[in-house]
Amino acid sequence: MNRSKVIVHMYVSIDGKNDGDYSRAASSSYYNDELFKLSNADANGRMTIQMYATLGEVDLMPYSGQGIKYEDWIPNNLNEKYWSISFDRKGKCNWQSQYFPYAGRNMRAIEVVTE
């Protein structure tokens, strides 16, 4: 069986925080250089992706109680060079586009949600 290779490449401060003044320093450039040497994709949780790629959260209350057909949806023609995977269990990210700029690259957004 062929399996994907996953490298966990974290960028945190000494106290375990993943955002702060240090993330705007020279170390941020180093992180991005290493990230794209290792792979053409990254993965983040909802809170992290909302800091730099979406416009906050979507208000899902107007849709409460409506029936939803749960099924996988995978678009055709996925030939992008760079990918960003967002783990957003409840679909709260307010995506305005299927692409967003990050570290000089055009990242294709993939949203992983659950029922």
C-alpha atoms as a PDB file:
ATOM      1  CA  MET A   1       0.000   0.000   0.000  1.00  0.00           C
ATOM      2  CA  ASN A   2       1.268   3.472  -0.886  1.00  0.00           C
ATOM      3  CA  ARG A   3       0.966   5.978   1.912  1.00  0.00           C
ATOM      4  CA  SER A   4       1.510   9.681   2.087  1.00  0.00           C
ATOM      5  CA  LYS A   5       4.468  10.966   4.013  1.00  0.00           C
ATOM      6  CA  VAL A   6       3.485  13.358   6.796  1.00  0.00           C
ATOM      7  CA  ILE A   7       6.006  15.669   8.431  1.00  0.00           C
ATOM      8  CA  VAL A   8       4.854  17.555  11.507  1.00  0.00           C
ATOM      9  CA  HIS A   9       6.545  20.942  11.284  1.00  0.00           C
ATOM     10  CA  MET A  10       5.438  23.161  14.170  1.00  0.00           C
ATOM     11  CA  TYR A  11       6.183  26.787  14.785  1.00  0.00           C
ATOM     12  CA  VAL A  12       5.610  27.700  18.425  1.00  0.00           C
ATOM     13  CA  SER A  13       7.133  29.933  21.044  1.00  0.00           C
ATOM     14  CA  ILE A  14       8.925  28.556  24.092  1.00  0.00           C
ATOM     15  CA  ASP A  15       5.652  28.776  26.061  1.00  0.00           C
ATOM     16  CA  GLY A  16       3.759  26.760  23.429  1.00  0.00           C
ATOM     17  CA  LYS A  17       1.861  29.608  21.756  1.00  0.00           C
ATOM     18  CA  ASN A  18       1.553  29.512  17.972  1.00  0.00           C
ATOM     19  CA  ASP A  19       0.882  33.198  17.420  1.00  0.00           C
ATOM     20  CA  GLY A  20       2.508  36.348  18.698  1.00  0.00           C
ATOM     21  CA  ASP A  21       5.099  39.028  17.950  1.00  0.00           C
ATOM     22  CA  TYR A  22       7.762  36.406  17.268  1.00  0.00           C
ATOM     23  CA  SER A  23       5.758  35.053  14.294  1.00  0.00           C
ATOM     24  CA  ARG A  24       6.322  38.310  12.405  1.00  0.00           C
ATOM     25  CA  ALA A  25      10.081  38.230  12.886  1.00  0.00           C
ATOM     26  CA  ALA A  26      12.868  36.713  10.797  1.00  0.00           C
ATOM     27  CA  SER A  27      11.921  33.288  12.177  1.00  0.00           C
ATOM     28  CA  SER A  28       8.655  33.480  10.229  1.00  0.00           C
ATOM     29  CA  SER A  29      10.608  33.643   6.977  1.00  0.00           C
ATOM     30  CA  TYR A  30      12.701  30.663   8.080  1.00  0.00           C
ATOM     31  CA  TYR A  31       9.540  28.675   8.886  1.00  0.00           C
ATOM     32  CA  ASN A  32       8.069  29.303   5.441  1.00  0.00           C
ATOM     33  CA  ASP A  33      11.331  28.467   3.666  1.00  0.00           C
ATOM     34  CA  GLU A  34      11.535  25.132   5.496  1.00  0.00           C
ATOM     35  CA  LEU A  35       7.842  24.393   5.005  1.00  0.00           C
ATOM     36  CA  PHE A  36       8.072  24.629   1.226  1.00  0.00           C
ATOM     37  CA  LYS A  37      11.372  22.722   1.084  1.00  0.00           C
ATOM     38  CA  LEU A  38       9.624  19.807   2.791  1.00  0.00           C
ATOM     39  CA  SER A  39       6.288  19.868   0.992  1.00  0.00           C
ATOM     40  CA  ASN A  40       3.838  21.701  -1.233  1.00  0.00           C
ATOM     41  CA  ALA A  41       1.058  21.583   1.368  1.00  0.00           C
ATOM     42  CA  ASP A  42       0.290  22.528   4.939  1.00  0.00           C
ATOM     43  CA  ALA A  43      -2.495  21.733   7.381  1.00  0.00           C
ATOM     44  CA  ASN A  44      -3.998  23.870  10.113  1.00  0.00           C
ATOM     45  CA  GLY A  45      -6.877  23.875  12.547  1.00  0.00           C
ATOM     46  CA  ARG A  46      -9.799  26.265  12.173  1.00  0.00           C
ATOM     47  CA  MET A  47      -8.506  28.885  14.591  1.00  0.00           C
ATOM     48  CA  THR A  48      -5.108  29.111  12.886  1.00  0.00           C
ATOM     49  CA  ILE A  49      -6.481  29.285   9.342  1.00  0.00           C
ATOM     50  CA  GLN A  50      -8.913  32.030  10.397  1.00  0.00           C
ATOM     51  CA  MET A  51      -5.982  34.206  11.499  1.00  0.00           C
ATOM     52  CA  TYR A  52      -4.631  34.588   7.972  1.00  0.00           C
ATOM     53  CA  ALA A  53      -6.922  33.132   5.313  1.00  0.00           C
ATOM     54  CA  THR A  54     -10.627  33.645   6.060  1.00  0.00           C
ATOM     55  CA  LEU A  55     -12.917  36.426   7.203  1.00  0.00           C
ATOM     56  CA  GLY A  56     -13.844  35.062  10.623  1.00  0.00           C
ATOM     57  CA  GLU A  57     -16.712  32.632  11.143  1.00  0.00           C
ATOM     58  CA  VAL A  58     -19.905  31.958   9.229  1.00  0.00           C
ATOM     59  CA  ASP A  59     -23.138  32.290  11.222  1.00  0.00           C
ATOM     60  CA  LEU A  60     -24.785  28.910  10.684  1.00  0.00           C
ATOM     61  CA  MET A  61     -27.830  29.569  12.903  1.00  0.00           C
ATOM     62  CA  PRO A  62     -30.160  30.451   9.977  1.00  0.00           C
ATOM     63  CA  TYR A  63     -29.639  26.889   8.717  1.00  0.00           C
ATOM     64  CA  SER A  64     -30.270  25.166  12.051  1.00  0.00           C
ATOM     65  CA  GLY A  65     -32.710  22.274  11.764  1.00  0.00           C
ATOM     66  CA  GLN A  66     -32.560  22.085   7.975  1.00  0.00           C
ATOM     67  CA  GLY A  67     -31.895  18.699   6.427  1.00  0.00           C
ATOM     68  CA  ILE A  68     -28.429  18.260   4.986  1.00  0.00           C
ATOM     69  CA  LYS A  69     -27.329  15.509   2.652  1.00  0.00           C
ATOM     70  CA  TYR A  70     -23.999  14.330   4.031  1.00  0.00           C
ATOM     71  CA  GLU A  71     -21.659  13.333   1.242  1.00  0.00           C
ATOM     72  CA  ASP A  72     -18.087  13.856   0.149  1.00  0.00           C
ATOM     73  CA  TRP A  73     -17.595  16.628  -2.345  1.00  0.00           C
ATOM     74  CA  ILE A  74     -14.373  16.626  -4.304  1.00  0.00           C
ATOM     75  CA  PRO A  75     -14.009  19.113  -7.170  1.00  0.00           C
ATOM     76  CA  ASN A  76     -12.713  18.095 -10.588  1.00  0.00           C
ATOM     77  CA  ASN A  77      -9.402  19.203 -12.106  1.00  0.00           C
ATOM     78  CA  LEU A  78      -7.336  19.447  -8.939  1.00  0.00           C
ATOM     79  CA  ASN A  79      -3.961  20.243 -10.463  1.00  0.00           C
ATOM     80  CA  GLU A  80      -2.770  23.000  -8.136  1.00  0.00           C
ATOM     81  CA  LYS A  81       0.829  23.322  -7.065  1.00  0.00           C
ATOM     82  CA  TYR A  82       0.253  24.425  -3.437  1.00  0.00           C
ATOM     83  CA  TRP A  83      -2.366  23.225  -0.961  1.00  0.00           C
ATOM     84  CA  SER A  84      -3.613  24.310   2.445  1.00  0.00           C
ATOM     85  CA  ILE A  85      -5.764  21.866   4.392  1.00  0.00           C
ATOM     86  CA  SER A  86      -8.050  23.256   7.057  1.00  0.00           C
ATOM     87  CA  PHE A  87      -9.523  20.996   9.737  1.00  0.00           C
ATOM     88  CA  ASP A  88     -12.781  22.792  10.484  1.00  0.00           C
ATOM     89  CA  ARG A  89     -15.081  20.181  12.038  1.00  0.00           C
ATOM     90  CA  LYS A  90     -18.195  22.355  11.937  1.00  0.00           C
ATOM     91  CA  GLY A  91     -17.607  24.330   8.733  1.00  0.00           C
ATOM     92  CA  LYS A  92     -17.303  27.722  10.422  1.00  0.00           C
ATOM     93  CA  CYS A  93     -14.556  29.244   8.250  1.00  0.00           C
ATOM     94  CA  ASN A  94     -15.819  32.117   6.126  1.00  0.00           C
ATOM     95  CA  TRP A  95     -13.972  31.363   2.872  1.00  0.00           C
ATOM     96  CA  GLN A  96     -14.305  34.047   0.213  1.00  0.00           C
ATOM     97  CA  SER A  97     -12.274  32.153  -2.380  1.00  0.00           C
ATOM     98  CA  GLN A  98     -10.903  28.689  -2.996  1.00  0.00           C
ATOM     99  CA  TYR A  99      -7.399  30.203  -3.102  1.00  0.00           C
ATOM    100  CA  PHE A 100      -5.495  32.545  -0.812  1.00  0.00           C
ATOM    101  CA  PRO A 101      -1.992  34.029  -0.852  1.00  0.00           C
ATOM    102  CA  TYR A 102       0.523  32.706   1.655  1.00  0.00           C
ATOM    103  CA  ALA A 103       4.301  33.200   1.701  1.00  0.00           C
ATOM    104  CA  GLY A 104       4.351  34.301  -1.940  1.00  0.00           C
ATOM    105  CA  ARG A 105       2.343  31.313  -3.132  1.00  0.00           C
ATOM    106  CA  ASN A 106      -1.265  30.822  -4.207  1.00  0.00           C
ATOM    107  CA  MET A 107      -2.624  28.137  -1.875  1.00  0.00           C
ATOM    108  CA  ARG A 108      -5.656  26.021  -2.826  1.00  0.00           C
ATOM    109  CA  ALA A 109      -7.906  25.676   0.213  1.00  0.00           C
ATOM    110  CA  ILE A 110      -9.226  22.268   1.234  1.00  0.00           C
ATOM    111  CA  GLU A 111     -11.731  22.214   4.093  1.00  0.00           C
ATOM    112  CA  VAL A 112     -12.143  19.000   6.101  1.00  0.00           C
ATOM    113  CA  VAL A 113     -15.476  18.992   7.929  1.00  0.00           C
ATOM    114  CA  THR A 114     -17.544  16.389   9.813  1.00  0.00           C
ATOM    115  CA  GLU A 115     -21.248  15.746  10.204  1.00  0.00           C
END
